[in-house]
Amino acid sequence: DLHGLYFQDLTLTCSYSCGPRETKQAKELLEQGLFRAED
């Protein structure tokens, strides 16, 4: 309902895959113990 979504001020964002910046950040988060694989 694009009419209704306009008056709701909705922002629709898509996010496809990842690049080198994000892989470095992910590595750092795992090194910091964000979670273990078993989780």
PDB file of all heavy atoms in Angstrom:
ATOM      1  N   ASP A   1       0.860  -1.179   0.000  1.00  0.00           N
ATOM      2  CA  ASP A   1       0.000   0.000   0.000  1.00  0.00           C
ATOM      3  C   ASP A   1       0.902   1.236   0.000  1.00  0.00           C
ATOM      4  O   ASP A   1       1.197   1.809   1.054  1.00  0.00           O
ATOM      5  CB  ASP A   1      -0.908  -0.025   1.234  1.00  0.00           C
ATOM      6  CG  ASP A   1      -1.740   1.239   1.371  1.00  0.00           C
ATOM      7  OD1 ASP A   1      -1.849   2.000   0.378  1.00  0.00           O
ATOM      8  OD2 ASP A   1      -2.257   1.477   2.482  1.00  0.00           O
ATOM      9  N   LEU A   2       1.358   1.642  -1.169  1.00  0.00           N
ATOM     10  CA  LEU A   2       2.300   2.752  -1.246  1.00  0.00           C
ATOM     11  C   LEU A   2       1.671   4.060  -0.771  1.00  0.00           C
ATOM     12  O   LEU A   2       2.370   4.931  -0.231  1.00  0.00           O
ATOM     13  CB  LEU A   2       2.812   2.899  -2.677  1.00  0.00           C
ATOM     14  CG  LEU A   2       3.622   1.708  -3.206  1.00  0.00           C
ATOM     15  CD1 LEU A   2       4.070   1.965  -4.626  1.00  0.00           C
ATOM     16  CD2 LEU A   2       4.816   1.417  -2.307  1.00  0.00           C
ATOM     17  N   HIS A   3       0.361   4.207  -0.946  1.00  0.00           N
ATOM     18  CA  HIS A   3      -0.336   5.391  -0.441  1.00  0.00           C
ATOM     19  C   HIS A   3      -0.198   5.470   1.079  1.00  0.00           C
ATOM     20  O   HIS A   3       0.228   6.486   1.640  1.00  0.00           O
ATOM     21  CB  HIS A   3      -1.806   5.346  -0.841  1.00  0.00           C
ATOM     22  CG  HIS A   3      -2.637   6.461  -0.269  1.00  0.00           C
ATOM     23  ND1 HIS A   3      -2.719   7.701  -0.856  1.00  0.00           N
ATOM     24  CD2 HIS A   3      -3.406   6.507   0.860  1.00  0.00           C
ATOM     25  CE1 HIS A   3      -3.498   8.473  -0.121  1.00  0.00           C
ATOM     26  NE2 HIS A   3      -3.932   7.770   0.917  1.00  0.00           N
ATOM     27  N   GLY A   4      -0.510   4.353   1.751  1.00  0.00           N
ATOM     28  CA  GLY A   4      -0.441   4.341   3.204  1.00  0.00           C
ATOM     29  C   GLY A   4       0.989   4.440   3.717  1.00  0.00           C
ATOM     30  O   GLY A   4       1.251   5.108   4.725  1.00  0.00           O
ATOM     31  N   LEU A   5       1.918   3.789   3.026  1.00  0.00           N
ATOM     32  CA  LEU A   5       3.311   3.819   3.466  1.00  0.00           C
ATOM     33  C   LEU A   5       3.903   5.220   3.348  1.00  0.00           C
ATOM     34  O   LEU A   5       4.753   5.612   4.150  1.00  0.00           O
ATOM     35  CB  LEU A   5       4.136   2.821   2.656  1.00  0.00           C
ATOM     36  CG  LEU A   5       3.745   1.343   2.816  1.00  0.00           C
ATOM     37  CD1 LEU A   5       4.676   0.452   2.000  1.00  0.00           C
ATOM     38  CD2 LEU A   5       3.757   0.923   4.281  1.00  0.00           C
ATOM     39  N   TYR A   6       3.455   5.957   2.357  1.00  0.00           N
ATOM     40  CA  TYR A   6       3.928   7.338   2.214  1.00  0.00           C
ATOM     41  C   TYR A   6       3.549   8.161   3.451  1.00  0.00           C
ATOM     42  O   TYR A   6       4.382   8.855   4.034  1.00  0.00           O
ATOM     43  CB  TYR A   6       3.339   7.968   0.960  1.00  0.00           C
ATOM     44  CG  TYR A   6       3.657   9.447   0.849  1.00  0.00           C
ATOM     45  CD1 TYR A   6       4.844   9.880   0.272  1.00  0.00           C
ATOM     46  CD2 TYR A   6       2.769  10.407   1.346  1.00  0.00           C
ATOM     47  CE1 TYR A   6       5.149  11.226   0.187  1.00  0.00           C
ATOM     48  CE2 TYR A   6       3.066  11.752   1.277  1.00  0.00           C
ATOM     49  CZ  TYR A   6       4.249  12.164   0.686  1.00  0.00           C
ATOM     50  OH  TYR A   6       4.544  13.507   0.611  1.00  0.00           O
ATOM     51  N   PHE A   7       2.285   8.059   3.863  1.00  0.00           N
ATOM     52  CA  PHE A   7       1.836   8.855   5.000  1.00  0.00           C
ATOM     53  C   PHE A   7       2.350   8.297   6.334  1.00  0.00           C
ATOM     54  O   PHE A   7       2.243   8.974   7.365  1.00  0.00           O
ATOM     55  CB  PHE A   7       0.310   8.955   4.992  1.00  0.00           C
ATOM     56  CG  PHE A   7      -0.203   9.885   3.936  1.00  0.00           C
ATOM     57  CD1 PHE A   7      -0.752   9.396   2.763  1.00  0.00           C
ATOM     58  CD2 PHE A   7      -0.091  11.258   4.084  1.00  0.00           C
ATOM     59  CE1 PHE A   7      -1.210  10.257   1.774  1.00  0.00           C
ATOM     60  CE2 PHE A   7      -0.549  12.126   3.102  1.00  0.00           C
ATOM     61  CZ  PHE A   7      -1.105  11.628   1.935  1.00  0.00           C
ATOM     62  N   GLN A   8       2.905   7.082   6.305  1.00  0.00           N
ATOM     63  CA  GLN A   8       3.533   6.531   7.511  1.00  0.00           C
ATOM     64  C   GLN A   8       4.991   6.973   7.619  1.00  0.00           C
ATOM     65  O   GLN A   8       5.646   6.721   8.616  1.00  0.00           O
ATOM     66  CB  GLN A   8       3.460   4.993   7.487  1.00  0.00           C
ATOM     67  CG  GLN A   8       3.750   4.340   8.828  1.00  0.00           C
ATOM     68  CD  GLN A   8       3.691   2.821   8.750  1.00  0.00           C
ATOM     69  OE1 GLN A   8       3.509   2.244   7.680  1.00  0.00           O
ATOM     70  NE2 GLN A   8       3.826   2.168   9.891  1.00  0.00           N
ATOM     71  N   ASP A   9       5.534   7.606   6.561  1.00  0.00           N
ATOM     72  CA  ASP A   9       6.951   8.004   6.535  1.00  0.00           C
ATOM     73  C   ASP A   9       7.879   6.797   6.640  1.00  0.00           C
ATOM     74  O   ASP A   9       8.911   6.838   7.312  1.00  0.00           O
ATOM     75  CB  ASP A   9       7.274   8.986   7.668  1.00  0.00           C
ATOM     76  CG  ASP A   9       7.198  10.440   7.212  1.00  0.00           C
ATOM     77  OD1 ASP A   9       7.276  10.673   5.988  1.00  0.00           O
ATOM     78  OD2 ASP A   9       7.065  11.327   8.064  1.00  0.00           O
ATOM     79  N   LEU A  10       7.511   5.723   5.962  1.00  0.00           N
ATOM     80  CA  LEU A  10       8.291   4.492   6.060  1.00  0.00           C
ATOM     81  C   LEU A  10       9.568   4.573   5.220  1.00  0.00           C
ATOM     82  O   LEU A  10       9.556   5.047   4.086  1.00  0.00           O
ATOM     83  CB  LEU A  10       7.462   3.289   5.612  1.00  0.00           C
ATOM     84  CG  LEU A  10       8.186   1.933   5.656  1.00  0.00           C
ATOM     85  CD1 LEU A  10       7.274   0.859   6.223  1.00  0.00           C
ATOM     86  CD2 LEU A  10       8.658   1.507   4.265  1.00  0.00           C
ATOM     87  N   THR A  11      10.680   4.092   5.778  1.00  0.00           N
ATOM     88  CA  THR A  11      11.930   3.938   5.044  1.00  0.00           C
ATOM     89  C   THR A  11      12.199   2.457   4.874  1.00  0.00           C
ATOM     90  O   THR A  11      12.269   1.715   5.860  1.00  0.00           O
ATOM     91  CB  THR A  11      13.106   4.581   5.797  1.00  0.00           C
ATOM     92  OG1 THR A  11      12.873   5.984   5.933  1.00  0.00           O
ATOM     93  CG2 THR A  11      14.420   4.364   5.057  1.00  0.00           C
ATOM     94  N   LEU A  12      12.335   2.009   3.630  1.00  0.00           N
ATOM     95  CA  LEU A  12      12.616   0.609   3.327  1.00  0.00           C
ATOM     96  C   LEU A  12      14.065   0.491   2.887  1.00  0.00           C
ATOM     97  O   LEU A  12      14.492   1.126   1.923  1.00  0.00           O
ATOM     98  CB  LEU A  12      11.682   0.102   2.223  1.00  0.00           C
ATOM     99  CG  LEU A  12      11.766  -1.382   1.895  1.00  0.00           C
ATOM    100  CD1 LEU A  12      11.382  -2.235   3.090  1.00  0.00           C
ATOM    101  CD2 LEU A  12      10.865  -1.712   0.699  1.00  0.00           C
ATOM    102  N   THR A  13      14.840  -0.318   3.606  1.00  0.00           N
ATOM    103  CA  THR A  13      16.265  -0.495   3.330  1.00  0.00           C
ATOM    104  C   THR A  13      16.530  -1.954   2.967  1.00  0.00           C
ATOM    105  O   THR A  13      15.982  -2.863   3.601  1.00  0.00           O
ATOM    106  CB  THR A  13      17.117  -0.131   4.567  1.00  0.00           C
ATOM    107  OG1 THR A  13      16.918   1.239   4.872  1.00  0.00           O
ATOM    108  CG2 THR A  13      18.586  -0.380   4.317  1.00  0.00           C
ATOM    109  N   CYS A  14      17.337  -2.174   1.947  1.00  0.00           N
ATOM    110  CA  CYS A  14      17.776  -3.524   1.593  1.00  0.00           C
ATOM    111  C   CYS A  14      19.256  -3.649   1.931  1.00  0.00           C
ATOM    112  O   CYS A  14      20.000  -2.669   1.894  1.00  0.00           O
ATOM    113  CB  CYS A  14      17.562  -3.798   0.109  1.00  0.00           C
ATOM    114  SG  CYS A  14      15.834  -3.677  -0.416  1.00  0.00           S
ATOM    115  N   SER A  15      19.677  -4.857   2.259  1.00  0.00           N
ATOM    116  CA  SER A  15      21.081  -5.073   2.584  1.00  0.00           C
ATOM    117  C   SER A  15      21.527  -6.391   1.969  1.00  0.00           C
ATOM    118  O   SER A  15      21.077  -7.469   2.372  1.00  0.00           O
ATOM    119  CB  SER A  15      21.299  -5.086   4.098  1.00  0.00           C
ATOM    120  OG  SER A  15      22.679  -5.091   4.400  1.00  0.00           O
ATOM    121  N   TYR A  16      22.421  -6.288   0.984  1.00  0.00           N
ATOM    122  CA  TYR A  16      22.868  -7.440   0.199  1.00  0.00           C
ATOM    123  C   TYR A  16      24.318  -7.764   0.508  1.00  0.00           C
ATOM    124  O   TYR A  16      25.205  -6.944   0.301  1.00  0.00           O
ATOM    125  CB  TYR A  16      22.686  -7.116  -1.290  1.00  0.00           C
ATOM    126  CG  TYR A  16      23.341  -8.067  -2.258  1.00  0.00           C
ATOM    127  CD1 TYR A  16      23.202  -9.445  -2.115  1.00  0.00           C
ATOM    128  CD2 TYR A  16      24.086  -7.590  -3.327  1.00  0.00           C
ATOM    129  CE1 TYR A  16      23.791 -10.310  -3.012  1.00  0.00           C
ATOM    130  CE2 TYR A  16      24.676  -8.448  -4.234  1.00  0.00           C
ATOM    131  CZ  TYR A  16      24.530  -9.803  -4.070  1.00  0.00           C
ATOM    132  OH  TYR A  16      25.121 -10.666  -4.958  1.00  0.00           O
ATOM    133  N   SER A  17      24.561  -8.934   1.032  1.00  0.00           N
ATOM    134  CA  SER A  17      25.899  -9.484   1.264  1.00  0.00           C
ATOM    135  C   SER A  17      26.772  -8.558   2.114  1.00  0.00           C
ATOM    136  O   SER A  17      26.278  -7.840   2.975  1.00  0.00           O
ATOM    137  CB  SER A  17      26.566  -9.821  -0.073  1.00  0.00           C
ATOM    138  OG  SER A  17      27.697 -10.656   0.130  1.00  0.00           O
ATOM    139  N   CYS A  18      28.089  -8.575   1.867  1.00  0.00           N
ATOM    140  CA  CYS A  18      29.027  -7.807   2.679  1.00  0.00           C
ATOM    141  C   CYS A  18      30.347  -7.663   1.941  1.00  0.00           C
ATOM    142  O   CYS A  18      30.638  -8.427   1.012  1.00  0.00           O
ATOM    143  CB  CYS A  18      29.269  -8.506   4.022  1.00  0.00           C
ATOM    144  SG  CYS A  18      29.980 -10.162   3.849  1.00  0.00           S
ATOM    145  N   GLY A  19      31.138  -6.683   2.357  1.00  0.00           N
ATOM    146  CA  GLY A  19      32.436  -6.430   1.747  1.00  0.00           C
ATOM    147  C   GLY A  19      33.551  -6.490   2.767  1.00  0.00           C
ATOM    148  O   GLY A  19      33.340  -6.861   3.930  1.00  0.00           O
ATOM    149  N   PRO A  20      34.766  -6.104   2.353  1.00  0.00           N
ATOM    150  CA  PRO A  20      35.934  -6.210   3.233  1.00  0.00           C
ATOM    151  C   PRO A  20      35.801  -5.459   4.554  1.00  0.00           C
ATOM    152  O   PRO A  20      36.289  -5.923   5.579  1.00  0.00           O
ATOM    153  CB  PRO A  20      37.067  -5.638   2.372  1.00  0.00           C
ATOM    154  CG  PRO A  20      36.633  -5.857   0.962  1.00  0.00           C
ATOM    155  CD  PRO A  20      35.150  -5.683   0.987  1.00  0.00           C
ATOM    156  N   ARG A  21      35.163  -4.285   4.543  1.00  0.00           N
ATOM    157  CA  ARG A  21      35.028  -3.537   5.802  1.00  0.00           C
ATOM    158  C   ARG A  21      34.255  -4.336   6.832  1.00  0.00           C
ATOM    159  O   ARG A  21      34.630  -4.421   8.009  1.00  0.00           O
ATOM    160  CB  ARG A  21      34.318  -2.207   5.550  1.00  0.00           C
ATOM    161  CG  ARG A  21      35.094  -1.189   4.725  1.00  0.00           C
ATOM    162  CD  ARG A  21      34.211  -0.019   4.384  1.00  0.00           C
ATOM    163  NE  ARG A  21      33.016  -0.465   3.642  1.00  0.00           N
ATOM    164  CZ  ARG A  21      31.861   0.171   3.634  1.00  0.00           C
ATOM    165  NH1 ARG A  21      31.710   1.277   4.359  1.00  0.00           N
ATOM    166  NH2 ARG A  21      30.845  -0.267   2.922  1.00  0.00           N
ATOM    167  N   GLU A  22      33.150  -4.952   6.380  1.00  0.00           N
ATOM    168  CA  GLU A  22      32.301  -5.687   7.310  1.00  0.00           C
ATOM    169  C   GLU A  22      32.950  -7.000   7.759  1.00  0.00           C
ATOM    170  O   GLU A  22      32.750  -7.430   8.895  1.00  0.00           O
ATOM    171  CB  GLU A  22      30.943  -5.967   6.670  1.00  0.00           C
ATOM    172  CG  GLU A  22      30.097  -4.725   6.443  1.00  0.00           C
ATOM    173  CD  GLU A  22      30.368  -4.036   5.110  1.00  0.00           C
ATOM    174  OE1 GLU A  22      30.953  -4.688   4.210  1.00  0.00           O
ATOM    175  OE2 GLU A  22      29.996  -2.849   4.969  1.00  0.00           O
ATOM    176  N   THR A  23      33.723  -7.648   6.874  1.00  0.00           N
ATOM    177  CA  THR A  23      34.360  -8.894   7.307  1.00  0.00           C
ATOM    178  C   THR A  23      35.391  -8.617   8.400  1.00  0.00           C
ATOM    179  O   THR A  23      35.525  -9.395   9.357  1.00  0.00           O
ATOM    180  CB  THR A  23      35.013  -9.643   6.127  1.00  0.00           C
ATOM    181  OG1 THR A  23      35.976  -8.815   5.483  1.00  0.00           O
ATOM    182  CG2 THR A  23      33.974 -10.104   5.124  1.00  0.00           C
ATOM    183  N   LYS A  24      36.108  -7.511   8.290  1.00  0.00           N
ATOM    184  CA  LYS A  24      37.071  -7.161   9.343  1.00  0.00           C
ATOM    185  C   LYS A  24      36.352  -6.879  10.660  1.00  0.00           C
ATOM    186  O   LYS A  24      36.808  -7.295  11.739  1.00  0.00           O
ATOM    187  CB  LYS A  24      37.892  -5.949   8.915  1.00  0.00           C
ATOM    188  CG  LYS A  24      38.872  -6.246   7.790  1.00  0.00           C
ATOM    189  CD  LYS A  24      39.617  -4.993   7.350  1.00  0.00           C
ATOM    190  CE  LYS A  24      40.557  -5.299   6.191  1.00  0.00           C
ATOM    191  NZ  LYS A  24      41.227  -4.071   5.684  1.00  0.00           N
ATOM    192  N   GLN A  25      35.218  -6.182  10.582  1.00  0.00           N
ATOM    193  CA  GLN A  25      34.457  -5.894  11.805  1.00  0.00           C
ATOM    194  C   GLN A  25      33.906  -7.183  12.414  1.00  0.00           C
ATOM    195  O   GLN A  25      33.904  -7.345  13.641  1.00  0.00           O
ATOM    196  CB  GLN A  25      33.327  -4.929  11.493  1.00  0.00           C
ATOM    197  CG  GLN A  25      33.782  -3.534  11.094  1.00  0.00           C
ATOM    198  CD  GLN A  25      32.628  -2.687  10.594  1.00  0.00           C
ATOM    199  OE1 GLN A  25      31.538  -2.698  11.144  1.00  0.00           O
ATOM    200  NE2 GLN A  25      32.860  -1.939   9.537  1.00  0.00           N
ATOM    201  N   ALA A  26      33.434  -8.101  11.559  1.00  0.00           N
ATOM    202  CA  ALA A  26      32.904  -9.370  12.056  1.00  0.00           C
ATOM    203  C   ALA A  26      33.998 -10.190  12.741  1.00  0.00           C
ATOM    204  O   ALA A  26      33.777 -10.785  13.803  1.00  0.00           O
ATOM    205  CB  ALA A  26      32.288 -10.165  10.904  1.00  0.00           C
ATOM    206  N   LYS A  27      35.170 -10.217  12.139  1.00  0.00           N
ATOM    207  CA  LYS A  27      36.294 -10.921  12.765  1.00  0.00           C
ATOM    208  C   LYS A  27      36.575 -10.351  14.151  1.00  0.00           C
ATOM    209  O   LYS A  27      36.757 -11.098  15.132  1.00  0.00           O
ATOM    210  CB  LYS A  27      37.532 -10.822  11.886  1.00  0.00           C
ATOM    211  CG  LYS A  27      38.782 -11.425  12.510  1.00  0.00           C
ATOM    212  CD  LYS A  27      40.045 -11.010  11.773  1.00  0.00           C
ATOM    213  CE  LYS A  27      41.293 -11.423  12.533  1.00  0.00           C
ATOM    214  NZ  LYS A  27      42.531 -10.884  11.954  1.00  0.00           N
ATOM    215  N   GLU A  28      36.600  -9.031  14.268  1.00  0.00           N
ATOM    216  CA  GLU A  28      36.879  -8.392  15.556  1.00  0.00           C
ATOM    217  C   GLU A  28      35.803  -8.742  16.581  1.00  0.00           C
ATOM    218  O   GLU A  28      36.103  -8.997  17.755  1.00  0.00           O
ATOM    219  CB  GLU A  28      36.970  -6.881  15.368  1.00  0.00           C
ATOM    220  CG  GLU A  28      38.196  -6.443  14.560  1.00  0.00           C
ATOM    221  CD  GLU A  28      38.144  -4.984  14.150  1.00  0.00           C
ATOM    222  OE1 GLU A  28      37.118  -4.321  14.465  1.00  0.00           O
ATOM    223  OE2 GLU A  28      39.103  -4.527  13.501  1.00  0.00           O
ATOM    224  N   LEU A  29      34.543  -8.761  16.171  1.00  0.00           N
ATOM    225  CA  LEU A  29      33.457  -9.105  17.090  1.00  0.00           C
ATOM    226  C   LEU A  29      33.579 -10.537  17.592  1.00  0.00           C
ATOM    227  O   LEU A  29      33.331 -10.826  18.771  1.00  0.00           O
ATOM    228  CB  LEU A  29      32.102  -8.897  16.406  1.00  0.00           C
ATOM    229  CG  LEU A  29      31.683  -7.441  16.187  1.00  0.00           C
ATOM    230  CD1 LEU A  29      30.501  -7.376  15.234  1.00  0.00           C
ATOM    231  CD2 LEU A  29      31.336  -6.775  17.517  1.00  0.00           C
ATOM    232  N   LEU A  30      33.966 -11.446  16.698  1.00  0.00           N
ATOM    233  CA  LEU A  30      34.147 -12.840  17.109  1.00  0.00           C
ATOM    234  C   LEU A  30      35.347 -12.977  18.035  1.00  0.00           C
ATOM    235  O   LEU A  30      35.318 -13.758  18.992  1.00  0.00           O
ATOM    236  CB  LEU A  30      34.304 -13.727  15.875  1.00  0.00           C
ATOM    237  CG  LEU A  30      33.015 -13.912  15.061  1.00  0.00           C
ATOM    238  CD1 LEU A  30      33.308 -14.494  13.688  1.00  0.00           C
ATOM    239  CD2 LEU A  30      32.029 -14.810  15.824  1.00  0.00           C
ATOM    240  N   GLU A  31      36.398 -12.223  17.765  1.00  0.00           N
ATOM    241  CA  GLU A  31      37.561 -12.238  18.661  1.00  0.00           C
ATOM    242  C   GLU A  31      37.204 -11.705  20.042  1.00  0.00           C
ATOM    243  O   GLU A  31      37.789 -12.121  21.041  1.00  0.00           O
ATOM    244  CB  GLU A  31      38.697 -11.423  18.050  1.00  0.00           C
ATOM    245  CG  GLU A  31      39.342 -12.086  16.837  1.00  0.00           C
ATOM    246  CD  GLU A  31      40.356 -11.196  16.143  1.00  0.00           C
ATOM    247  OE1 GLU A  31      40.247  -9.950  16.271  1.00  0.00           O
ATOM    248  OE2 GLU A  31      41.236 -11.739  15.442  1.00  0.00           O
ATOM    249  N   GLN A  32      36.230 -10.794  20.085  1.00  0.00           N
ATOM    250  CA  GLN A  32      35.780 -10.225  21.361  1.00  0.00           C
ATOM    251  C   GLN A  32      34.796 -11.133  22.085  1.00  0.00           C
ATOM    252  O   GLN A  32      34.388 -10.836  23.213  1.00  0.00           O
ATOM    253  CB  GLN A  32      35.140  -8.860  21.122  1.00  0.00           C
ATOM    254  CG  GLN A  32      36.107  -7.800  20.613  1.00  0.00           C
ATOM    255  CD  GLN A  32      35.400  -6.596  20.016  1.00  0.00           C
ATOM    256  OE1 GLN A  32      34.185  -6.411  20.184  1.00  0.00           O
ATOM    257  NE2 GLN A  32      36.137  -5.771  19.295  1.00  0.00           N
ATOM    258  N   GLY A  33      34.391 -12.245  21.438  1.00  0.00           N
ATOM    259  CA  GLY A  33      33.507 -13.212  22.086  1.00  0.00           C
ATOM    260  C   GLY A  33      32.034 -12.906  21.953  1.00  0.00           C
ATOM    261  O   GLY A  33      31.260 -13.239  22.854  1.00  0.00           O
ATOM    262  N   LEU A  34      31.613 -12.266  20.835  1.00  0.00           N
ATOM    263  CA  LEU A  34      30.192 -11.960  20.638  1.00  0.00           C
ATOM    264  C   LEU A  34      29.341 -13.218  20.792  1.00  0.00           C
ATOM    265  O   LEU A  34      28.276 -13.194  21.409  1.00  0.00           O
ATOM    266  CB  LEU A  34      29.961 -11.334  19.262  1.00  0.00           C
ATOM    267  CG  LEU A  34      28.516 -11.002  18.905  1.00  0.00           C
ATOM    268  CD1 LEU A  34      27.965  -9.926  19.840  1.00  0.00           C
ATOM    269  CD2 LEU A  34      28.385 -10.555  17.454  1.00  0.00           C
ATOM    270  N   PHE A  35      29.787 -14.323  20.230  1.00  0.00           N
ATOM    271  CA  PHE A  35      29.132 -15.614  20.432  1.00  0.00           C
ATOM    272  C   PHE A  35      30.097 -16.719  20.017  1.00  0.00           C
ATOM    273  O   PHE A  35      31.102 -16.478  19.358  1.00  0.00           O
ATOM    274  CB  PHE A  35      27.814 -15.719  19.654  1.00  0.00           C
ATOM    275  CG  PHE A  35      27.959 -15.575  18.156  1.00  0.00           C
ATOM    276  CD1 PHE A  35      28.356 -16.643  17.362  1.00  0.00           C
ATOM    277  CD2 PHE A  35      27.682 -14.369  17.537  1.00  0.00           C
ATOM    278  CE1 PHE A  35      28.489 -16.508  15.994  1.00  0.00           C
ATOM    279  CE2 PHE A  35      27.809 -14.223  16.163  1.00  0.00           C
ATOM    280  CZ  PHE A  35      28.211 -15.296  15.389  1.00  0.00           C
ATOM    281  N   ARG A  36      29.764 -17.939  20.413  1.00  0.00           N
ATOM    282  CA  ARG A  36      30.487 -19.120  19.978  1.00  0.00           C
ATOM    283  C   ARG A  36      29.668 -19.832  18.918  1.00  0.00           C
ATOM    284  O   ARG A  36      28.441 -19.676  18.851  1.00  0.00           O
ATOM    285  CB  ARG A  36      30.750 -20.055  21.163  1.00  0.00           C
ATOM    286  CG  ARG A  36      31.801 -19.540  22.133  1.00  0.00           C
ATOM    287  CD  ARG A  36      31.870 -20.376  23.398  1.00  0.00           C
ATOM    288  NE  ARG A  36      32.192 -21.772  23.141  1.00  0.00           N
ATOM    289  CZ  ARG A  36      33.439 -22.247  23.021  1.00  0.00           C
ATOM    290  NH1 ARG A  36      34.475 -21.421  23.128  1.00  0.00           N
ATOM    291  NH2 ARG A  36      33.662 -23.531  22.806  1.00  0.00           N
ATOM    292  N   ALA A  37      30.330 -20.616  18.104  1.00  0.00           N
ATOM    293  CA  ALA A  37      29.634 -21.312  17.025  1.00  0.00           C
ATOM    294  C   ALA A  37      28.481 -22.156  17.564  1.00  0.00           C
ATOM    295  O   ALA A  37      27.425 -22.263  16.927  1.00  0.00           O
ATOM    296  CB  ALA A  37      30.618 -22.186  16.252  1.00  0.00           C
ATOM    297  N   GLU A  38      28.661 -22.729  18.749  1.00  0.00           N
ATOM    298  CA  GLU A  38      27.615 -23.575  19.331  1.00  0.00           C
ATOM    299  C   GLU A  38      26.328 -22.810  19.603  1.00  0.00           C
ATOM    300  O   GLU A  38      25.264 -23.418  19.746  1.00  0.00           O
ATOM    301  CB  GLU A  38      28.131 -24.209  20.626  1.00  0.00           C
ATOM    302  CG  GLU A  38      29.182 -25.288  20.424  1.00  0.00           C
ATOM    303  CD  GLU A  38      30.589 -24.747  20.204  1.00  0.00           C
ATOM    304  OE1 GLU A  38      30.762 -23.505  20.189  1.00  0.00           O
ATOM    305  OE2 GLU A  38      31.521 -25.555  20.037  1.00  0.00           O
ATOM    306  N   ASP A  39      26.386 -21.483  19.662  1.00  0.00           N
ATOM    307  CA  ASP A  39      25.183 -20.681  19.893  1.00  0.00           C
ATOM    308  C   ASP A  39      24.281 -20.622  18.668  1.00  0.00           C
ATOM    309  O   ASP A  39      23.070 -20.367  18.797  1.00  0.00           O
ATOM    310  CB  ASP A  39      25.563 -19.252  20.299  1.00  0.00           C
ATOM    311  CG  ASP A  39      26.276 -19.193  21.635  1.00  0.00           C
ATOM    312  OD1 ASP A  39      25.987 -20.035  22.506  1.00  0.00           O
ATOM    313  OD2 ASP A  39      27.135 -18.303  21.808  1.00  0.00           O
TER     314      ASP A  39
END
